[in-house]
Each structure stands twice: as structure tokens, then as C-alpha cells.
């Protein structure tokens, strides 16, 4: 990320003569698995300043999945599954079978 920031900064210094546009004050972040420079003015649209958090929090959609994973033994156990203790699994692995 640091290299991308320096590259962006050098490009701005070489190609621009005025620095009063929104694209001169940016932050670098990861948006949908890509590095993206976002103008600070645009960030105001996506920020809840009172609570100091983003307005849209992508990870909230994962909470039901986390609840399911947290209760994996009590709710989602396969009745036909063979239960092995750690010792049985280790000895089975050592014996090759």
C-alpha cells in the first residue's frame, strides 16, 4: 500500500499544477478486493460522524452465519455421523486408515 501511495503522490506532483480539486486529498483503502483512492469529501457521504463508524457495515450481513457456526454442535449435528475422540483420530491416522 505504501508503494501505491508514493506512486500516486509522485504522479500528482508531476502532472498537476493546482491542488484545489477533491482528488488532491484522498485516502487509500481496499474496496471490493481492490486498492482504491477515495476523495475525503466523498467519505463524508459514507460516514456516521456521531458514532464514528461507516454508515454501511458489510460485516453485519455475516452475523447470522456466525451464529450458526457458533452453535455447530448443539443444532447442526448429523445423526449418522461417527464420533471420534482426539485419541481415536490420532491412532487412526497413525495406522493409516
C-alpha atoms as a PDB file:
ATOM      1  CA  UNK A   1       0.000   0.000   0.000  1.00  0.00           C
ATOM      2  CA  UNK A   2       2.848   2.346   0.763  1.00  0.00           C
ATOM      3  CA  UNK A   3       4.285   1.873  -2.724  1.00  0.00           C
ATOM      4  CA  UNK A   4       0.912   2.658  -4.311  1.00  0.00           C
ATOM      5  CA  UNK A   5       0.644   5.792  -2.190  1.00  0.00           C
ATOM      6  CA  UNK A   6       4.095   7.031  -3.190  1.00  0.00           C
ATOM      7  CA  UNK A   7       3.372   6.245  -6.844  1.00  0.00           C
ATOM      8  CA  UNK A   8       0.094   8.226  -6.680  1.00  0.00           C
ATOM      9  CA  UNK A   9       1.800  11.136  -4.927  1.00  0.00           C
ATOM     10  CA  UNK A  10       4.640  11.337  -7.459  1.00  0.00           C
ATOM     11  CA  UNK A  11       2.164  11.189 -10.356  1.00  0.00           C
ATOM     12  CA  UNK A  12       0.122  14.056  -8.860  1.00  0.00           C
ATOM     13  CA  UNK A  13       3.213  16.180  -8.268  1.00  0.00           C
ATOM     14  CA  UNK A  14       4.449  15.671 -11.837  1.00  0.00           C
ATOM     15  CA  UNK A  15       1.149  16.127 -13.696  1.00  0.00           C
ATOM     16  CA  UNK A  16      -0.872  18.690 -11.767  1.00  0.00           C
ATOM     17  CA  UNK A  17      -0.220  22.371 -11.251  1.00  0.00           C
ATOM     18  CA  UNK A  18      -3.167  23.224  -8.980  1.00  0.00           C
ATOM     19  CA  UNK A  19      -4.160  21.282  -5.897  1.00  0.00           C
ATOM     20  CA  UNK A  20      -7.642  22.524  -5.125  1.00  0.00           C
ATOM     21  CA  UNK A  21      -9.724  19.649  -6.565  1.00  0.00           C
ATOM     22  CA  UNK A  22     -11.333  16.881  -4.469  1.00  0.00           C
ATOM     23  CA  UNK A  23      -8.846  14.363  -5.876  1.00  0.00           C
ATOM     24  CA  UNK A  24      -5.913  16.046  -4.158  1.00  0.00           C
ATOM     25  CA  UNK A  25      -6.993  14.954  -0.653  1.00  0.00           C
ATOM     26  CA  UNK A  26      -7.635  11.213  -0.768  1.00  0.00           C
ATOM     27  CA  UNK A  27      -7.384   8.109   1.366  1.00  0.00           C
ATOM     28  CA  UNK A  28      -6.212   4.716   0.162  1.00  0.00           C
ATOM     29  CA  UNK A  29      -8.288   1.718   1.122  1.00  0.00           C
ATOM     30  CA  UNK A  30      -9.441  -1.666  -0.049  1.00  0.00           C
ATOM     31  CA  UNK A  31     -12.845  -1.666  -1.730  1.00  0.00           C
ATOM     32  CA  UNK A  32     -14.135  -4.986  -3.077  1.00  0.00           C
ATOM     33  CA  UNK A  33     -10.685  -6.615  -3.140  1.00  0.00           C
ATOM     34  CA  UNK A  34      -9.044  -3.686  -4.947  1.00  0.00           C
ATOM     35  CA  UNK A  35      -6.983  -0.742  -3.784  1.00  0.00           C
ATOM     36  CA  UNK A  36      -8.913   2.475  -4.292  1.00  0.00           C
ATOM     37  CA  UNK A  37      -8.136   6.134  -3.706  1.00  0.00           C
ATOM     38  CA  UNK A  38     -11.253   7.822  -2.316  1.00  0.00           C
ATOM     39  CA  UNK A  39     -11.539  11.615  -2.019  1.00  0.00           C
ATOM     40  CA  UNK A  40     -12.036  12.760   1.576  1.00  0.00           C
ATOM     41  CA  UNK A  41     -15.086  14.782   0.519  1.00  0.00           C
ATOM     42  CA  UNK A  42     -16.703  11.595  -0.756  1.00  0.00           C
ATOM     43  CA  UNK A  43     -16.028   9.797   2.527  1.00  0.00           C
ATOM     44  CA  UNK A  44     -18.345  12.253   4.272  1.00  0.00           C
ATOM     45  CA  UNK A  45     -21.254  10.635   2.412  1.00  0.00           C
ATOM     46  CA  UNK A  46     -20.476   7.186   3.846  1.00  0.00           C
ATOM     47  CA  UNK A  47     -19.624   8.112   7.450  1.00  0.00           C
ATOM     48  CA  UNK A  48     -21.746   8.343  10.594  1.00  0.00           C
ATOM     49  CA  UNK A  49     -19.768  11.047  12.390  1.00  0.00           C
ATOM     50  CA  UNK A  50     -21.853  10.881  15.574  1.00  0.00           C
ATOM     51  CA  UNK A  51     -20.947   7.225  16.172  1.00  0.00           C
ATOM     52  CA  UNK A  52     -17.619   7.348  14.287  1.00  0.00           C
ATOM     53  CA  UNK A  53     -18.465   4.316  12.129  1.00  0.00           C
ATOM     54  CA  UNK A  54     -19.311   3.669   8.453  1.00  0.00           C
ATOM     55  CA  UNK A  55     -22.992   4.019   7.514  1.00  0.00           C
ATOM     56  CA  UNK A  56     -22.968   0.689   5.680  1.00  0.00           C
ATOM     57  CA  UNK A  57     -21.209  -2.112   7.524  1.00  0.00           C
ATOM     58  CA  UNK A  58     -20.676  -5.105   5.242  1.00  0.00           C
ATOM     59  CA  UNK A  59     -19.877  -7.496   8.065  1.00  0.00           C
ATOM     60  CA  UNK A  60     -23.361  -7.186   9.606  1.00  0.00           C
ATOM     61  CA  UNK A  61     -24.640  -9.495   6.852  1.00  0.00           C
ATOM     62  CA  UNK A  62     -22.350 -12.227   8.201  1.00  0.00           C
ATOM     63  CA  UNK A  63     -23.785 -12.251  11.733  1.00  0.00           C
ATOM     64  CA  UNK A  64     -26.403 -14.981  11.057  1.00  0.00           C
ATOM     65  CA  UNK A  65     -23.672 -17.213   9.639  1.00  0.00           C
ATOM     66  CA  UNK A  66     -21.515 -16.599  12.705  1.00  0.00           C
ATOM     67  CA  UNK A  67     -24.428 -17.593  14.957  1.00  0.00           C
ATOM     68  CA  UNK A  68     -24.821 -20.849  13.027  1.00  0.00           C
ATOM     69  CA  UNK A  69     -21.107 -21.609  13.272  1.00  0.00           C
ATOM     70  CA  UNK A  70     -21.060 -20.816  16.994  1.00  0.00           C
ATOM     71  CA  UNK A  71     -23.792 -23.394  17.645  1.00  0.00           C
ATOM     72  CA  UNK A  72     -22.475 -26.122  15.380  1.00  0.00           C
ATOM     73  CA  UNK A  73     -22.556 -28.915  17.972  1.00  0.00           C
ATOM     74  CA  UNK A  74     -25.953 -28.271  19.513  1.00  0.00           C
ATOM     75  CA  UNK A  75     -28.081 -27.603  16.446  1.00  0.00           C
ATOM     76  CA  UNK A  76     -26.408 -28.899  13.328  1.00  0.00           C
ATOM     77  CA  UNK A  77     -25.096 -32.351  14.241  1.00  0.00           C
ATOM     78  CA  UNK A  78     -25.574 -35.117  11.712  1.00  0.00           C
ATOM     79  CA  UNK A  79     -27.327 -38.042  13.403  1.00  0.00           C
ATOM     80  CA  UNK A  80     -25.495 -40.598  11.228  1.00  0.00           C
ATOM     81  CA  UNK A  81     -22.020 -39.173  11.785  1.00  0.00           C
ATOM     82  CA  UNK A  82     -19.386 -41.264  13.530  1.00  0.00           C
ATOM     83  CA  UNK A  83     -17.980 -39.525  16.559  1.00  0.00           C
ATOM     84  CA  UNK A  84     -14.264 -39.975  17.220  1.00  0.00           C
ATOM     85  CA  UNK A  85     -12.258 -38.755  20.152  1.00  0.00           C
ATOM     86  CA  UNK A  86      -8.970 -36.991  19.510  1.00  0.00           C
ATOM     87  CA  UNK A  87      -7.042 -40.076  20.613  1.00  0.00           C
ATOM     88  CA  UNK A  88      -9.014 -42.337  18.258  1.00  0.00           C
ATOM     89  CA  UNK A  89      -8.478 -39.960  15.323  1.00  0.00           C
ATOM     90  CA  UNK A  90      -4.741 -39.775  16.027  1.00  0.00           C
ATOM     91  CA  UNK A  91      -4.313 -43.525  16.305  1.00  0.00           C
ATOM     92  CA  UNK A  92      -6.411 -43.998  13.155  1.00  0.00           C
ATOM     93  CA  UNK A  93      -4.155 -41.528  11.305  1.00  0.00           C
ATOM     94  CA  UNK A  94      -1.001 -43.267  12.533  1.00  0.00           C
ATOM     95  CA  UNK A  95      -2.284 -46.655  11.418  1.00  0.00           C
ATOM     96  CA  UNK A  96      -3.114 -45.242   8.015  1.00  0.00           C
ATOM     97  CA  UNK A  97      -6.708 -45.776   7.958  1.00  0.00           C
END
